[in-house]
């Protein structure tokens, strides 16, 4: 090893560590948005099911009011709610890091095909 090569491994390791830190800093927000997307999807499903239960008569109240309550309970906002007979379609959203995450779900009694 010559005198000009001393410390080259240290510089290489600093570069590798900096690259790992940079990739982690870029990936972390992406994974956060993916987790929120799954949460919003679950909120949409739950809101649609609650509204459909209300439309069928298994729960009291107004279907879209129940959907809004369940969406809020799951950390999302109800954007739209459409009750077509016993089939209910809801759209919920949540904002994370300036990005809007939206999910749509439809629910109704078994054997009822969606339009």
C-alpha atoms as a PDB file:
ATOM      1  CA  UNK A   1       0.000   0.000   0.000  1.00  0.00           C
ATOM      2  CA  UNK A   2       1.391   3.373  -0.964  1.00  0.00           C
ATOM      3  CA  UNK A   3       1.116   6.506   1.109  1.00  0.00           C
ATOM      4  CA  UNK A   4      -1.452   7.998  -1.315  1.00  0.00           C
ATOM      5  CA  UNK A   5      -3.897   5.152  -0.659  1.00  0.00           C
ATOM      6  CA  UNK A   6      -4.072   5.534   3.112  1.00  0.00           C
ATOM      7  CA  UNK A   7      -7.552   6.478   4.297  1.00  0.00           C
ATOM      8  CA  UNK A   8      -9.263   5.494   1.023  1.00  0.00           C
ATOM      9  CA  UNK A   9     -11.355   2.861   2.875  1.00  0.00           C
ATOM     10  CA  UNK A  10     -12.585   5.483   5.322  1.00  0.00           C
ATOM     11  CA  UNK A  11     -13.733   7.745   2.498  1.00  0.00           C
ATOM     12  CA  UNK A  12     -15.447   4.799   0.825  1.00  0.00           C
ATOM     13  CA  UNK A  13     -17.297   3.908   4.042  1.00  0.00           C
ATOM     14  CA  UNK A  14     -18.438   7.510   4.514  1.00  0.00           C
ATOM     15  CA  UNK A  15     -19.850   7.412   0.990  1.00  0.00           C
ATOM     16  CA  UNK A  16     -21.643   4.110   1.605  1.00  0.00           C
ATOM     17  CA  UNK A  17     -23.144   5.324   4.899  1.00  0.00           C
ATOM     18  CA  UNK A  18     -24.237   8.597   3.290  1.00  0.00           C
ATOM     19  CA  UNK A  19     -25.907   6.663   0.463  1.00  0.00           C
ATOM     20  CA  UNK A  20     -27.800   4.439   2.909  1.00  0.00           C
ATOM     21  CA  UNK A  21     -28.961   7.469   4.903  1.00  0.00           C
ATOM     22  CA  UNK A  22     -30.099   9.241   1.729  1.00  0.00           C
ATOM     23  CA  UNK A  23     -32.042   6.201   0.472  1.00  0.00           C
ATOM     24  CA  UNK A  24     -33.697   5.795   3.870  1.00  0.00           C
ATOM     25  CA  UNK A  25     -34.662   9.473   3.910  1.00  0.00           C
ATOM     26  CA  UNK A  26     -36.272   9.078   0.478  1.00  0.00           C
ATOM     27  CA  UNK A  27     -38.040   5.793   1.250  1.00  0.00           C
ATOM     28  CA  UNK A  28     -39.500   6.738   4.634  1.00  0.00           C
ATOM     29  CA  UNK A  29     -42.121   9.195   3.289  1.00  0.00           C
ATOM     30  CA  UNK A  30     -43.127   6.680   0.616  1.00  0.00           C
ATOM     31  CA  UNK A  31     -43.761   3.984   3.198  1.00  0.00           C
ATOM     32  CA  UNK A  32     -45.670   6.446   5.382  1.00  0.00           C
ATOM     33  CA  UNK A  33     -48.013   7.253   2.486  1.00  0.00           C
ATOM     34  CA  UNK A  34     -48.480   3.537   1.751  1.00  0.00           C
ATOM     35  CA  UNK A  35     -49.435   2.882   5.377  1.00  0.00           C
ATOM     36  CA  UNK A  36     -51.916   5.773   5.330  1.00  0.00           C
ATOM     37  CA  UNK A  37     -53.361   4.459   2.053  1.00  0.00           C
ATOM     38  CA  UNK A  38     -54.084   1.118   3.702  1.00  0.00           C
ATOM     39  CA  UNK A  39     -55.653   2.909   6.663  1.00  0.00           C
ATOM     40  CA  UNK A  40     -57.866   5.038   4.413  1.00  0.00           C
ATOM     41  CA  UNK A  41     -58.893   1.959   2.453  1.00  0.00           C
ATOM     42  CA  UNK A  42     -59.964   0.279   5.696  1.00  0.00           C
ATOM     43  CA  UNK A  43     -61.870   3.405   6.711  1.00  0.00           C
ATOM     44  CA  UNK A  44     -63.706   3.400   3.371  1.00  0.00           C
ATOM     45  CA  UNK A  45     -64.619  -0.270   3.738  1.00  0.00           C
ATOM     46  CA  UNK A  46     -65.874   0.217   7.286  1.00  0.00           C
ATOM     47  CA  UNK A  47     -67.863   3.333   6.347  1.00  0.00           C
ATOM     48  CA  UNK A  48     -69.487   1.570   3.390  1.00  0.00           C
ATOM     49  CA  UNK A  49     -70.391  -1.445   5.517  1.00  0.00           C
ATOM     50  CA  UNK A  50     -71.869   0.748   8.256  1.00  0.00           C
ATOM     51  CA  UNK A  51     -73.920   2.680   5.717  1.00  0.00           C
ATOM     52  CA  UNK A  52     -75.108  -0.537   4.059  1.00  0.00           C
ATOM     53  CA  UNK A  53     -76.130  -1.972   7.444  1.00  0.00           C
ATOM     54  CA  UNK A  54     -78.143   1.177   8.061  1.00  0.00           C
ATOM     55  CA  UNK A  55     -79.720   1.043   4.592  1.00  0.00           C
ATOM     56  CA  UNK A  56     -80.772  -2.577   5.138  1.00  0.00           C
ATOM     57  CA  UNK A  57     -82.179  -1.768   8.567  1.00  0.00           C
ATOM     58  CA  UNK A  58     -79.669  -3.572  10.768  1.00  0.00           C
ATOM     59  CA  UNK A  59     -78.703  -0.252  12.379  1.00  0.00           C
ATOM     60  CA  UNK A  60     -80.730   2.879  12.965  1.00  0.00           C
ATOM     61  CA  UNK A  61     -80.111   6.260  11.420  1.00  0.00           C
ATOM     62  CA  UNK A  62     -79.305   7.689   8.019  1.00  0.00           C
ATOM     63  CA  UNK A  63     -76.803   5.646   5.939  1.00  0.00           C
ATOM     64  CA  UNK A  64     -74.555   8.543   4.948  1.00  0.00           C
ATOM     65  CA  UNK A  65     -74.531   9.949   8.492  1.00  0.00           C
ATOM     66  CA  UNK A  66     -73.355   6.571   9.770  1.00  0.00           C
ATOM     67  CA  UNK A  67     -70.704   6.462   7.036  1.00  0.00           C
ATOM     68  CA  UNK A  68     -69.417   9.904   8.065  1.00  0.00           C
ATOM     69  CA  UNK A  69     -69.272   8.874  11.725  1.00  0.00           C
ATOM     70  CA  UNK A  70     -67.348   5.675  10.976  1.00  0.00           C
ATOM     71  CA  UNK A  71     -64.972   7.461   8.577  1.00  0.00           C
ATOM     72  CA  UNK A  72     -64.181  10.112  11.205  1.00  0.00           C
ATOM     73  CA  UNK A  73     -63.662   7.390  13.814  1.00  0.00           C
ATOM     74  CA  UNK A  74     -61.047   5.853  11.517  1.00  0.00           C
ATOM     75  CA  UNK A  75     -59.211   9.127  10.904  1.00  0.00           C
ATOM     76  CA  UNK A  76     -60.622   9.930   7.459  1.00  0.00           C
ATOM     77  CA  UNK A  77     -63.074  12.438   6.008  1.00  0.00           C
ATOM     78  CA  UNK A  78     -66.170  11.387   4.072  1.00  0.00           C
ATOM     79  CA  UNK A  79     -66.019  13.062   0.650  1.00  0.00           C
ATOM     80  CA  UNK A  80     -69.098  11.525  -0.928  1.00  0.00           C
ATOM     81  CA  UNK A  81     -71.793   9.009  -0.112  1.00  0.00           C
ATOM     82  CA  UNK A  82     -74.298   7.618  -2.587  1.00  0.00           C
ATOM     83  CA  UNK A  83     -77.096   5.295  -1.506  1.00  0.00           C
ATOM     84  CA  UNK A  84     -78.690   3.477  -4.445  1.00  0.00           C
ATOM     85  CA  UNK A  85     -81.369   1.404  -2.774  1.00  0.00           C
ATOM     86  CA  UNK A  86     -79.530  -0.997  -0.510  1.00  0.00           C
ATOM     87  CA  UNK A  87     -76.119  -0.459  -2.143  1.00  0.00           C
ATOM     88  CA  UNK A  88     -73.978   2.335  -0.731  1.00  0.00           C
ATOM     89  CA  UNK A  89     -70.804   3.762  -2.284  1.00  0.00           C
ATOM     90  CA  UNK A  90     -68.571   6.011  -0.215  1.00  0.00           C
ATOM     91  CA  UNK A  91     -65.415   7.978  -0.929  1.00  0.00           C
ATOM     92  CA  UNK A  92     -63.137   8.926   1.962  1.00  0.00           C
ATOM     93  CA  UNK A  93     -59.869  10.828   2.097  1.00  0.00           C
ATOM     94  CA  UNK A  94     -57.049  11.884   4.368  1.00  0.00           C
ATOM     95  CA  UNK A  95     -54.162  14.265   3.830  1.00  0.00           C
ATOM     96  CA  UNK A  96     -50.615  13.234   4.704  1.00  0.00           C
ATOM     97  CA  UNK A  97     -47.505  15.320   3.992  1.00  0.00           C
ATOM     98  CA  UNK A  98     -49.461  17.488   1.576  1.00  0.00           C
ATOM     99  CA  UNK A  99     -50.719  14.508  -0.416  1.00  0.00           C
ATOM    100  CA  UNK A 100     -54.383  13.577  -0.564  1.00  0.00           C
ATOM    101  CA  UNK A 101     -55.057   9.863  -0.185  1.00  0.00           C
ATOM    102  CA  UNK A 102     -58.514   8.777  -1.427  1.00  0.00           C
ATOM    103  CA  UNK A 103     -60.304   5.426  -1.247  1.00  0.00           C
ATOM    104  CA  UNK A 104     -63.692   4.340  -2.592  1.00  0.00           C
ATOM    105  CA  UNK A 105     -65.731   1.397  -1.315  1.00  0.00           C
ATOM    106  CA  UNK A 106     -69.125  -0.095  -2.140  1.00  0.00           C
ATOM    107  CA  UNK A 107     -71.207  -2.322   0.114  1.00  0.00           C
ATOM    108  CA  UNK A 108     -74.641  -3.866   0.085  1.00  0.00           C
ATOM    109  CA  UNK A 109     -76.474  -7.039   0.996  1.00  0.00           C
ATOM    110  CA  UNK A 110     -75.075 -10.334  -0.286  1.00  0.00           C
ATOM    111  CA  UNK A 111     -76.147 -11.259  -3.783  1.00  0.00           C
ATOM    112  CA  UNK A 112     -76.839  -7.665  -4.826  1.00  0.00           C
ATOM    113  CA  UNK A 113     -74.699  -6.830  -7.876  1.00  0.00           C
ATOM    114  CA  UNK A 114     -73.286  -3.272  -7.961  1.00  0.00           C
ATOM    115  CA  UNK A 115     -74.360  -1.089 -10.893  1.00  0.00           C
END
